[in-house]
């Protein structure tokens, strides 16, 4: 009887230790909503970042309000709040700053 209890305790400890090891060392991303929410940058900051990116020809990633991301360069400034964004040689997008959530340098 004692041997059976020791065997059960050993098995329980082995399972618990293995489970803890896996939980602490591996990330399986089992959660459904692991998407981090990016806060919208203030309009003045977006304006400064867009103008600087345009003037210095920086490659940037812009995140739109619908969380769609575009990678490319600002190639033309139409007015204070409107820019032409080049994604590739065949795809250009006219973007107003109020459509953008964030601008990140690549």
PDB file of N, CA and C in Angstrom:
ATOM      1  N   UNK A   1       0.827  -1.190   0.000  1.00  0.00           N
ATOM      2  CA  UNK A   1       0.000   0.000   0.000  1.00  0.00           C
ATOM      3  C   UNK A   1       0.876   1.261   0.000  1.00  0.00           C
ATOM      4  N   UNK A   2       1.917   1.243   0.868  1.00  0.00           N
ATOM      5  CA  UNK A   2       2.821   2.395   0.945  1.00  0.00           C
ATOM      6  C   UNK A   2       3.562   2.604  -0.375  1.00  0.00           C
ATOM      7  N   UNK A   3       3.944   1.525  -1.025  1.00  0.00           N
ATOM      8  CA  UNK A   3       4.656   1.621  -2.302  1.00  0.00           C
ATOM      9  C   UNK A   3       3.749   2.248  -3.361  1.00  0.00           C
ATOM     10  N   UNK A   4       2.461   1.909  -3.314  1.00  0.00           N
ATOM     11  CA  UNK A   4       1.512   2.466  -4.271  1.00  0.00           C
ATOM     12  C   UNK A   4       1.335   3.965  -4.045  1.00  0.00           C
ATOM     13  N   UNK A   5       1.275   4.405  -2.782  1.00  0.00           N
ATOM     14  CA  UNK A   5       1.149   5.829  -2.476  1.00  0.00           C
ATOM     15  C   UNK A   5       2.396   6.592  -2.902  1.00  0.00           C
ATOM     16  N   UNK A   6       3.569   6.005  -2.677  1.00  0.00           N
ATOM     17  CA  UNK A   6       4.818   6.649  -3.104  1.00  0.00           C
ATOM     18  C   UNK A   6       4.861   6.777  -4.629  1.00  0.00           C
ATOM     19  N   UNK A   7       4.411   5.728  -5.315  1.00  0.00           N
ATOM     20  CA  UNK A   7       4.386   5.758  -6.778  1.00  0.00           C
ATOM     21  C   UNK A   7       3.434   6.842  -7.277  1.00  0.00           C
ATOM     22  N   UNK A   8       2.257   6.974  -6.664  1.00  0.00           N
ATOM     23  CA  UNK A   8       1.297   8.007  -7.056  1.00  0.00           C
ATOM     24  C   UNK A   8       1.841   9.403  -6.776  1.00  0.00           C
ATOM     25  N   UNK A   9       2.507   9.603  -5.646  1.00  0.00           N
ATOM     26  CA  UNK A   9       3.089  10.893  -5.302  1.00  0.00           C
ATOM     27  C   UNK A   9       4.216  11.241  -6.277  1.00  0.00           C
ATOM     28  N   UNK A  10       5.038  10.219  -6.601  1.00  0.00           N
ATOM     29  CA  UNK A  10       6.122  10.434  -7.553  1.00  0.00           C
ATOM     30  C   UNK A  10       5.553  10.844  -8.917  1.00  0.00           C
ATOM     31  N   UNK A  11       4.512  10.134  -9.357  1.00  0.00           N
ATOM     32  CA  UNK A  11       3.897  10.432 -10.652  1.00  0.00           C
ATOM     33  C   UNK A  11       3.285  11.829 -10.657  1.00  0.00           C
ATOM     34  N   UNK A  12       2.593  12.173  -9.590  1.00  0.00           N
ATOM     35  CA  UNK A  12       1.981  13.501  -9.490  1.00  0.00           C
ATOM     36  C   UNK A  12       3.046  14.593  -9.518  1.00  0.00           C
ATOM     37  N   UNK A  13       4.122  14.400  -8.755  1.00  0.00           N
ATOM     38  CA  UNK A  13       5.221  15.379  -8.736  1.00  0.00           C
ATOM     39  C   UNK A  13       5.881  15.494 -10.107  1.00  0.00           C
ATOM     40  N   UNK A  14       6.069  14.371 -10.777  1.00  0.00           N
ATOM     41  CA  UNK A  14       6.682  14.382 -12.102  1.00  0.00           C
ATOM     42  C   UNK A  14       5.817  15.151 -13.099  1.00  0.00           C
ATOM     43  N   UNK A  15       4.516  14.911 -13.070  1.00  0.00           N
ATOM     44  CA  UNK A  15       3.600  15.616 -13.976  1.00  0.00           C
ATOM     45  C   UNK A  15       3.589  17.111 -13.667  1.00  0.00           C
ATOM     46  N   UNK A  16       3.497  17.463 -12.389  1.00  0.00           N
ATOM     47  CA  UNK A  16       3.483  18.881 -12.009  1.00  0.00           C
ATOM     48  C   UNK A  16       4.781  19.583 -12.395  1.00  0.00           C
ATOM     49  N   UNK A  17       5.913  18.951 -12.141  1.00  0.00           N
ATOM     50  CA  UNK A  17       7.200  19.568 -12.479  1.00  0.00           C
ATOM     51  C   UNK A  17       7.371  19.725 -13.988  1.00  0.00           C
ATOM     52  N   UNK A  18       6.928  18.729 -14.738  1.00  0.00           N
ATOM     53  CA  UNK A  18       7.021  18.812 -16.197  1.00  0.00           C
ATOM     54  C   UNK A  18       6.115  19.923 -16.734  1.00  0.00           C
ATOM     55  N   UNK A  19       4.901  19.997 -16.206  1.00  0.00           N
ATOM     56  CA  UNK A  19       3.964  21.040 -16.626  1.00  0.00           C
ATOM     57  C   UNK A  19       4.512  22.426 -16.296  1.00  0.00           C
ATOM     58  N   UNK A  20       5.036  22.598 -15.111  1.00  0.00           N
ATOM     59  CA  UNK A  20       5.622  23.892 -14.720  1.00  0.00           C
ATOM     60  C   UNK A  20       6.807  24.253 -15.610  1.00  0.00           C
ATOM     61  N   UNK A  21       7.650  23.276 -15.932  1.00  0.00           N
ATOM     62  CA  UNK A  21       8.796  23.527 -16.799  1.00  0.00           C
ATOM     63  C   UNK A  21       8.338  24.001 -18.182  1.00  0.00           C
ATOM     64  N   UNK A  22       7.344  23.319 -18.734  1.00  0.00           N
ATOM     65  CA  UNK A  22       6.829  23.695 -20.058  1.00  0.00           C
ATOM     66  C   UNK A  22       6.204  25.088 -20.007  1.00  0.00           C
ATOM     67  N   UNK A  23       5.403  25.367 -18.987  1.00  0.00           N
ATOM     68  CA  UNK A  23       4.760  26.679 -18.870  1.00  0.00           C
ATOM     69  C   UNK A  23       5.771  27.801 -18.713  1.00  0.00           C
ATOM     70  N   UNK A  24       6.853  27.555 -18.009  1.00  0.00           N
ATOM     71  CA  UNK A  24       7.850  28.600 -17.752  1.00  0.00           C
ATOM     72  C   UNK A  24       8.822  28.808 -18.903  1.00  0.00           C
ATOM     73  N   UNK A  25       9.006  27.806 -19.755  1.00  0.00           N
ATOM     74  CA  UNK A  25      10.058  27.895 -20.760  1.00  0.00           C
ATOM     75  C   UNK A  25       9.596  27.928 -22.209  1.00  0.00           C
ATOM     76  N   UNK A  26       8.337  27.623 -22.461  1.00  0.00           N
ATOM     77  CA  UNK A  26       7.842  27.596 -23.829  1.00  0.00           C
ATOM     78  C   UNK A  26       6.586  28.433 -23.934  1.00  0.00           C
ATOM     79  N   UNK A  27       6.472  29.157 -25.038  1.00  0.00           N
ATOM     80  CA  UNK A  27       5.297  29.989 -25.270  1.00  0.00           C
ATOM     81  C   UNK A  27       4.582  29.452 -26.504  1.00  0.00           C
ATOM     82  N   UNK A  28       3.436  28.851 -26.288  1.00  0.00           N
ATOM     83  CA  UNK A  28       2.694  28.256 -27.393  1.00  0.00           C
ATOM     84  C   UNK A  28       1.639  29.187 -27.962  1.00  0.00           C
ATOM     85  N   UNK A  29       1.481  30.385 -27.381  1.00  0.00           N
ATOM     86  CA  UNK A  29       0.480  31.367 -27.842  1.00  0.00           C
ATOM     87  C   UNK A  29      -0.897  30.731 -27.996  1.00  0.00           C
ATOM     88  N   UNK A  30      -1.379  30.147 -26.941  1.00  0.00           N
ATOM     89  CA  UNK A  30      -2.676  29.491 -26.984  1.00  0.00           C
ATOM     90  C   UNK A  30      -3.829  30.466 -26.813  1.00  0.00           C
ATOM     91  N   UNK A  31      -3.549  31.693 -26.436  1.00  0.00           N
ATOM     92  CA  UNK A  31      -4.605  32.689 -26.265  1.00  0.00           C
ATOM     93  C   UNK A  31      -5.056  33.181 -27.632  1.00  0.00           C
ATOM     94  N   UNK A  32      -6.348  33.443 -27.759  1.00  0.00           N
ATOM     95  CA  UNK A  32      -6.898  33.894 -29.033  1.00  0.00           C
ATOM     96  C   UNK A  32      -6.609  35.357 -29.310  1.00  0.00           C
ATOM     97  N   UNK A  33      -6.700  36.209 -28.306  1.00  0.00           N
ATOM     98  CA  UNK A  33      -6.535  37.643 -28.530  1.00  0.00           C
ATOM     99  C   UNK A  33      -5.191  38.130 -27.991  1.00  0.00           C
ATOM    100  N   UNK A  34      -4.108  37.656 -28.645  1.00  0.00           N
ATOM    101  CA  UNK A  34      -2.767  38.059 -28.253  1.00  0.00           C
ATOM    102  C   UNK A  34      -2.316  39.319 -28.977  1.00  0.00           C
ATOM    103  N   UNK A  35      -3.164  39.857 -29.846  1.00  0.00           N
ATOM    104  CA  UNK A  35      -2.825  41.058 -30.609  1.00  0.00           C
ATOM    105  C   UNK A  35      -2.728  42.249 -29.660  1.00  0.00           C
ATOM    106  N   UNK A  36      -1.581  42.902 -29.667  1.00  0.00           N
ATOM    107  CA  UNK A  36      -1.433  44.073 -28.816  1.00  0.00           C
ATOM    108  C   UNK A  36      -2.036  45.281 -29.515  1.00  0.00           C
ATOM    109  N   UNK A  37      -2.757  46.043 -28.762  1.00  0.00           N
ATOM    110  CA  UNK A  37      -3.402  47.224 -29.318  1.00  0.00           C
ATOM    111  C   UNK A  37      -2.416  48.389 -29.327  1.00  0.00           C
ATOM    112  N   UNK A  38      -2.209  48.965 -30.489  1.00  0.00           N
ATOM    113  CA  UNK A  38      -1.358  50.137 -30.624  1.00  0.00           C
ATOM    114  C   UNK A  38      -2.229  51.364 -30.412  1.00  0.00           C
ATOM    115  N   UNK A  39      -1.786  52.245 -29.535  1.00  0.00           N
ATOM    116  CA  UNK A  39      -2.542  53.479 -29.317  1.00  0.00           C
ATOM    117  C   UNK A  39      -2.286  54.436 -30.469  1.00  0.00           C
ATOM    118  N   UNK A  40      -3.265  55.266 -30.744  1.00  0.00           N
ATOM    119  CA  UNK A  40      -3.117  56.234 -31.817  1.00  0.00           C
ATOM    120  C   UNK A  40      -2.217  57.372 -31.353  1.00  0.00           C
ATOM    121  N   UNK A  41      -1.259  57.718 -32.207  1.00  0.00           N
ATOM    122  CA  UNK A  41      -0.364  58.827 -31.919  1.00  0.00           C
ATOM    123  C   UNK A  41      -1.159  60.135 -32.031  1.00  0.00           C
ATOM    124  N   UNK A  42      -0.792  61.144 -31.260  1.00  0.00           N
ATOM    125  CA  UNK A  42      -1.448  62.457 -31.405  1.00  0.00           C
ATOM    126  C   UNK A  42      -1.200  63.014 -32.815  1.00  0.00           C
ATOM    127  N   UNK A  43      -2.162  63.766 -33.325  1.00  0.00           N
ATOM    128  CA  UNK A  43      -2.098  64.285 -34.692  1.00  0.00           C
ATOM    129  C   UNK A  43      -0.838  65.120 -34.934  1.00  0.00           C
ATOM    130  N   UNK A  44      -0.451  65.928 -33.948  1.00  0.00           N
ATOM    131  CA  UNK A  44       0.751  66.762 -34.105  1.00  0.00           C
ATOM    132  C   UNK A  44       2.004  65.894 -34.245  1.00  0.00           C
ATOM    133  N   UNK A  45       2.081  64.815 -33.486  1.00  0.00           N
ATOM    134  CA  UNK A  45       3.223  63.900 -33.572  1.00  0.00           C
ATOM    135  C   UNK A  45       3.219  63.175 -34.917  1.00  0.00           C
ATOM    136  N   UNK A  46       2.051  62.764 -35.391  1.00  0.00           N
ATOM    137  CA  UNK A  46       1.958  62.138 -36.710  1.00  0.00           C
ATOM    138  C   UNK A  46       2.440  63.092 -37.801  1.00  0.00           C
ATOM    139  N   UNK A  47       2.051  64.362 -37.677  1.00  0.00           N
ATOM    140  CA  UNK A  47       2.460  65.371 -38.661  1.00  0.00           C
ATOM    141  C   UNK A  47       3.977  65.515 -38.691  1.00  0.00           C
ATOM    142  N   UNK A  48       4.583  65.616 -37.510  1.00  0.00           N
ATOM    143  CA  UNK A  48       6.046  65.756 -37.425  1.00  0.00           C
ATOM    144  C   UNK A  48       6.735  64.519 -37.993  1.00  0.00           C
ATOM    145  N   UNK A  49       6.279  63.322 -37.617  1.00  0.00           N
ATOM    146  CA  UNK A  49       6.887  62.076 -38.101  1.00  0.00           C
ATOM    147  C   UNK A  49       6.731  61.939 -39.612  1.00  0.00           C
ATOM    148  N   UNK A  50       5.544  62.265 -40.135  1.00  0.00           N
ATOM    149  CA  UNK A  50       5.314  62.142 -41.580  1.00  0.00           C
ATOM    150  C   UNK A  50       6.189  63.122 -42.358  1.00  0.00           C
ATOM    151  N   UNK A  51       6.252  64.371 -41.903  1.00  0.00           N
ATOM    152  CA  UNK A  51       7.076  65.366 -42.596  1.00  0.00           C
ATOM    153  C   UNK A  51       8.553  64.992 -42.552  1.00  0.00           C
ATOM    154  N   UNK A  52       9.016  64.534 -41.399  1.00  0.00           N
ATOM    155  CA  UNK A  52      10.418  64.137 -41.273  1.00  0.00           C
ATOM    156  C   UNK A  52      10.713  62.913 -42.153  1.00  0.00           C
ATOM    157  N   UNK A  53       9.815  61.947 -42.161  1.00  0.00           N
ATOM    158  CA  UNK A  53      10.001  60.755 -42.990  1.00  0.00           C
ATOM    159  C   UNK A  53      10.021  61.122 -44.471  1.00  0.00           C
ATOM    160  N   UNK A  54       9.165  62.059 -44.864  1.00  0.00           N
ATOM    161  CA  UNK A  54       9.127  62.514 -46.256  1.00  0.00           C
ATOM    162  C   UNK A  54      10.410  63.255 -46.624  1.00  0.00           C
ATOM    163  N   UNK A  55      10.835  64.203 -45.783  1.00  0.00           N
ATOM    164  CA  UNK A  55      12.009  65.020 -46.083  1.00  0.00           C
ATOM    165  C   UNK A  55      13.296  64.199 -46.124  1.00  0.00           C
ATOM    166  N   UNK A  56      13.408  63.213 -45.256  1.00  0.00           N
ATOM    167  CA  UNK A  56      14.644  62.422 -45.181  1.00  0.00           C
ATOM    168  C   UNK A  56      14.548  61.100 -45.923  1.00  0.00           C
ATOM    169  N   UNK A  57      13.401  60.879 -46.614  1.00  0.00           N
ATOM    170  CA  UNK A  57      13.196  59.692 -47.440  1.00  0.00           C
ATOM    171  C   UNK A  57      13.345  58.392 -46.635  1.00  0.00           C
ATOM    172  N   UNK A  58      12.808  58.378 -45.413  1.00  0.00           N
ATOM    173  CA  UNK A  58      12.881  57.209 -44.549  1.00  0.00           C
ATOM    174  C   UNK A  58      11.899  56.135 -45.005  1.00  0.00           C
ATOM    175  N   UNK A  59      12.269  54.890 -44.809  1.00  0.00           N
ATOM    176  CA  UNK A  59      11.368  53.769 -45.005  1.00  0.00           C
ATOM    177  C   UNK A  59      10.635  53.544 -43.684  1.00  0.00           C
ATOM    178  N   UNK A  60       9.309  53.524 -43.742  1.00  0.00           N
ATOM    179  CA  UNK A  60       8.505  53.448 -42.523  1.00  0.00           C
ATOM    180  C   UNK A  60       7.403  52.393 -42.657  1.00  0.00           C
ATOM    181  N   UNK A  61       6.866  52.007 -41.520  1.00  0.00           N
ATOM    182  CA  UNK A  61       5.663  51.184 -41.461  1.00  0.00           C
ATOM    183  C   UNK A  61       4.587  52.051 -40.840  1.00  0.00           C
ATOM    184  N   UNK A  62       3.495  52.225 -41.561  1.00  0.00           N
ATOM    185  CA  UNK A  62       2.383  52.976 -40.989  1.00  0.00           C
ATOM    186  C   UNK A  62       1.263  51.996 -40.646  1.00  0.00           C
ATOM    187  N   UNK A  63       0.675  52.209 -39.492  1.00  0.00           N
ATOM    188  CA  UNK A  63      -0.466  51.408 -39.062  1.00  0.00           C
ATOM    189  C   UNK A  63      -1.699  52.282 -39.193  1.00  0.00           C
ATOM    190  N   UNK A  64      -2.654  51.794 -39.966  1.00  0.00           N
ATOM    191  CA  UNK A  64      -3.885  52.533 -40.200  1.00  0.00           C
ATOM    192  C   UNK A  64      -4.839  52.325 -39.017  1.00  0.00           C
ATOM    193  N   UNK A  65      -5.915  53.087 -38.957  1.00  0.00           N
ATOM    194  CA  UNK A  65      -6.886  52.965 -37.874  1.00  0.00           C
ATOM    195  C   UNK A  65      -7.532  51.585 -37.822  1.00  0.00           C
ATOM    196  N   UNK A  66      -7.615  50.897 -38.961  1.00  0.00           N
ATOM    197  CA  UNK A  66      -8.193  49.549 -38.998  1.00  0.00           C
ATOM    198  C   UNK A  66      -7.133  48.465 -38.735  1.00  0.00           C
ATOM    199  N   UNK A  67      -5.957  48.864 -38.233  1.00  0.00           N
ATOM    200  CA  UNK A  67      -4.822  47.991 -37.893  1.00  0.00           C
ATOM    201  C   UNK A  67      -4.127  47.371 -39.103  1.00  0.00           C
ATOM    202  N   UNK A  68      -4.457  47.822 -40.310  1.00  0.00           N
ATOM    203  CA  UNK A  68      -3.736  47.376 -41.505  1.00  0.00           C
ATOM    204  C   UNK A  68      -2.400  48.109 -41.541  1.00  0.00           C
ATOM    205  N   UNK A  69      -1.331  47.375 -41.827  1.00  0.00           N
ATOM    206  CA  UNK A  69      -0.002  47.988 -41.869  1.00  0.00           C
ATOM    207  C   UNK A  69       0.514  48.049 -43.300  1.00  0.00           C
ATOM    208  N   UNK A  70       1.146  49.174 -43.616  1.00  0.00           N
ATOM    209  CA  UNK A  70       1.757  49.369 -44.929  1.00  0.00           C
ATOM    210  C   UNK A  70       3.226  49.735 -44.731  1.00  0.00           C
ATOM    211  N   UNK A  71       4.094  49.117 -45.524  1.00  0.00           N
ATOM    212  CA  UNK A  71       5.525  49.394 -45.462  1.00  0.00           C
ATOM    213  C   UNK A  71       5.925  50.116 -46.739  1.00  0.00           C
ATOM    214  N   UNK A  72       6.563  51.266 -46.592  1.00  0.00           N
ATOM    215  CA  UNK A  72       6.976  52.017 -47.774  1.00  0.00           C
ATOM    216  C   UNK A  72       7.554  53.368 -47.406  1.00  0.00           C
ATOM    217  N   UNK A  73       7.386  54.345 -48.317  1.00  0.00           N
ATOM    218  CA  UNK A  73       7.950  55.686 -48.133  1.00  0.00           C
ATOM    219  C   UNK A  73       6.937  56.748 -48.539  1.00  0.00           C
ATOM    220  N   UNK A  74       6.987  57.879 -47.823  1.00  0.00           N
ATOM    221  CA  UNK A  74       6.216  59.038 -48.239  1.00  0.00           C
ATOM    222  C   UNK A  74       6.976  59.683 -49.391  1.00  0.00           C
ATOM    223  N   UNK A  75       6.319  59.840 -50.551  1.00  0.00           N
ATOM    224  CA  UNK A  75       7.046  60.375 -51.705  1.00  0.00           C
ATOM    225  C   UNK A  75       6.593  61.774 -52.095  1.00  0.00           C
ATOM    226  N   UNK A  76       5.452  62.215 -51.567  1.00  0.00           N
ATOM    227  CA  UNK A  76       4.962  63.540 -51.909  1.00  0.00           C
ATOM    228  C   UNK A  76       4.050  64.045 -50.805  1.00  0.00           C
ATOM    229  N   UNK A  77       4.128  65.363 -50.573  1.00  0.00           N
ATOM    230  CA  UNK A  77       3.238  65.986 -49.593  1.00  0.00           C
ATOM    231  C   UNK A  77       2.251  66.865 -50.351  1.00  0.00           C
ATOM    232  N   UNK A  78       0.968  66.484 -50.296  1.00  0.00           N
ATOM    233  CA  UNK A  78      -0.073  67.211 -51.021  1.00  0.00           C
ATOM    234  C   UNK A  78      -0.419  68.497 -50.271  1.00  0.00           C
ATOM    235  N   UNK A  79      -0.657  68.390 -48.968  1.00  0.00           N
ATOM    236  CA  UNK A  79      -0.870  69.546 -48.099  1.00  0.00           C
ATOM    237  C   UNK A  79      -0.404  69.162 -46.692  1.00  0.00           C
ATOM    238  N   UNK A  80      -0.759  69.940 -45.693  1.00  0.00           N
ATOM    239  CA  UNK A  80      -0.253  69.677 -44.340  1.00  0.00           C
ATOM    240  C   UNK A  80      -0.642  68.305 -43.814  1.00  0.00           C
ATOM    241  N   UNK A  81      -1.801  67.818 -44.182  1.00  0.00           N
ATOM    242  CA  UNK A  81      -2.305  66.567 -43.624  1.00  0.00           C
ATOM    243  C   UNK A  81      -2.467  65.439 -44.640  1.00  0.00           C
ATOM    244  N   UNK A  82      -1.989  65.626 -45.861  1.00  0.00           N
ATOM    245  CA  UNK A  82      -2.187  64.608 -46.897  1.00  0.00           C
ATOM    246  C   UNK A  82      -0.855  64.311 -47.585  1.00  0.00           C
ATOM    247  N   UNK A  83      -0.562  63.017 -47.710  1.00  0.00           N
ATOM    248  CA  UNK A  83       0.687  62.565 -48.313  1.00  0.00           C
ATOM    249  C   UNK A  83       0.404  61.458 -49.319  1.00  0.00           C
ATOM    250  N   UNK A  84       1.330  61.295 -50.280  1.00  0.00           N
ATOM    251  CA  UNK A  84       1.302  60.144 -51.178  1.00  0.00           C
ATOM    252  C   UNK A  84       2.323  59.155 -50.623  1.00  0.00           C
ATOM    253  N   UNK A  85       1.859  57.928 -50.393  1.00  0.00           N
ATOM    254  CA  UNK A  85       2.696  56.888 -49.797  1.00  0.00           C
ATOM    255  C   UNK A  85       2.943  55.808 -50.833  1.00  0.00           C
ATOM    256  N   UNK A  86       4.215  55.483 -51.071  1.00  0.00           N
ATOM    257  CA  UNK A  86       4.586  54.463 -52.057  1.00  0.00           C
ATOM    258  C   UNK A  86       4.874  53.154 -51.334  1.00  0.00           C
ATOM    259  N   UNK A  87       4.058  52.142 -51.625  1.00  0.00           N
ATOM    260  CA  UNK A  87       4.255  50.824 -51.027  1.00  0.00           C
ATOM    261  C   UNK A  87       5.221  50.018 -51.885  1.00  0.00           C
ATOM    262  N   UNK A  88       5.010  50.013 -53.187  1.00  0.00           N
ATOM    263  CA  UNK A  88       5.959  49.419 -54.140  1.00  0.00           C
ATOM    264  C   UNK A  88       5.802  50.156 -55.471  1.00  0.00           C
ATOM    265  N   UNK A  89       6.490  49.704 -56.500  1.00  0.00           N
ATOM    266  CA  UNK A  89       6.469  50.455 -57.761  1.00  0.00           C
ATOM    267  C   UNK A  89       5.087  50.485 -58.417  1.00  0.00           C
ATOM    268  N   UNK A  90       4.192  49.597 -58.019  1.00  0.00           N
ATOM    269  CA  UNK A  90       2.858  49.554 -58.628  1.00  0.00           C
ATOM    270  C   UNK A  90       1.745  50.034 -57.707  1.00  0.00           C
ATOM    271  N   UNK A  91       2.042  50.284 -56.451  1.00  0.00           N
ATOM    272  CA  UNK A  91       0.990  50.613 -55.492  1.00  0.00           C
ATOM    273  C   UNK A  91       1.317  51.882 -54.725  1.00  0.00           C
ATOM    274  N   UNK A  92       0.514  52.907 -54.944  1.00  0.00           N
ATOM    275  CA  UNK A  92       0.627  54.182 -54.243  1.00  0.00           C
ATOM    276  C   UNK A  92      -0.677  54.419 -53.504  1.00  0.00           C
ATOM    277  N   UNK A  93      -0.609  55.088 -52.376  1.00  0.00           N
ATOM    278  CA  UNK A  93      -1.818  55.361 -51.605  1.00  0.00           C
ATOM    279  C   UNK A  93      -1.779  56.808 -51.124  1.00  0.00           C
ATOM    280  N   UNK A  94      -2.882  57.512 -51.307  1.00  0.00           N
ATOM    281  CA  UNK A  94      -3.002  58.864 -50.765  1.00  0.00           C
ATOM    282  C   UNK A  94      -3.531  58.718 -49.343  1.00  0.00           C
ATOM    283  N   UNK A  95      -2.771  59.247 -48.405  1.00  0.00           N
ATOM    284  CA  UNK A  95      -3.084  59.048 -46.989  1.00  0.00           C
ATOM    285  C   UNK A  95      -3.231  60.393 -46.294  1.00  0.00           C
ATOM    286  N   UNK A  96      -4.313  60.535 -45.543  1.00  0.00           N
ATOM    287  CA  UNK A  96      -4.449  61.698 -44.668  1.00  0.00           C
ATOM    288  C   UNK A  96      -4.045  61.265 -43.262  1.00  0.00           C
ATOM    289  N   UNK A  97      -3.488  62.182 -42.508  1.00  0.00           N
ATOM    290  CA  UNK A  97      -2.950  61.842 -41.198  1.00  0.00           C
ATOM    291  C   UNK A  97      -4.017  61.339 -40.228  1.00  0.00           C
ATOM    292  N   UNK A  98      -5.260  61.748 -40.425  1.00  0.00           N
ATOM    293  CA  UNK A  98      -6.305  61.275 -39.518  1.00  0.00           C
ATOM    294  C   UNK A  98      -6.690  59.811 -39.770  1.00  0.00           C
ATOM    295  N   UNK A  99      -6.158  59.190 -40.832  1.00  0.00           N
ATOM    296  CA  UNK A  99      -6.373  57.768 -41.106  1.00  0.00           C
ATOM    297  C   UNK A  99      -5.306  56.896 -40.453  1.00  0.00           C
ATOM    298  N   UNK A 100      -4.233  57.529 -39.948  1.00  0.00           N
ATOM    299  CA  UNK A 100      -3.075  56.793 -39.439  1.00  0.00           C
ATOM    300  C   UNK A 100      -3.148  56.671 -37.920  1.00  0.00           C
ATOM    301  N   UNK A 101      -2.820  55.472 -37.450  1.00  0.00           N
ATOM    302  CA  UNK A 101      -2.730  55.225 -36.020  1.00  0.00           C
ATOM    303  C   UNK A 101      -1.305  55.476 -35.522  1.00  0.00           C
ATOM    304  N   UNK A 102      -0.293  55.010 -36.290  1.00  0.00           N
ATOM    305  CA  UNK A 102       1.091  55.225 -35.885  1.00  0.00           C
ATOM    306  C   UNK A 102       2.029  55.148 -37.091  1.00  0.00           C
ATOM    307  N   UNK A 103       3.203  55.741 -36.940  1.00  0.00           N
ATOM    308  CA  UNK A 103       4.261  55.697 -37.942  1.00  0.00           C
ATOM    309  C   UNK A 103       5.502  55.198 -37.228  1.00  0.00           C
ATOM    310  N   UNK A 104       6.108  54.146 -37.777  1.00  0.00           N
ATOM    311  CA  UNK A 104       7.320  53.562 -37.178  1.00  0.00           C
ATOM    312  C   UNK A 104       8.434  53.480 -38.198  1.00  0.00           C
ATOM    313  N   UNK A 105       9.602  53.904 -37.813  1.00  0.00           N
ATOM    314  CA  UNK A 105      10.782  53.842 -38.669  1.00  0.00           C
ATOM    315  C   UNK A 105      11.234  52.382 -38.810  1.00  0.00           C
ATOM    316  N   UNK A 106      11.604  52.001 -40.026  1.00  0.00           N
ATOM    317  CA  UNK A 106      12.068  50.633 -40.247  1.00  0.00           C
ATOM    318  C   UNK A 106      13.581  50.600 -40.225  1.00  0.00           C
TER     319      UNK A 106
END
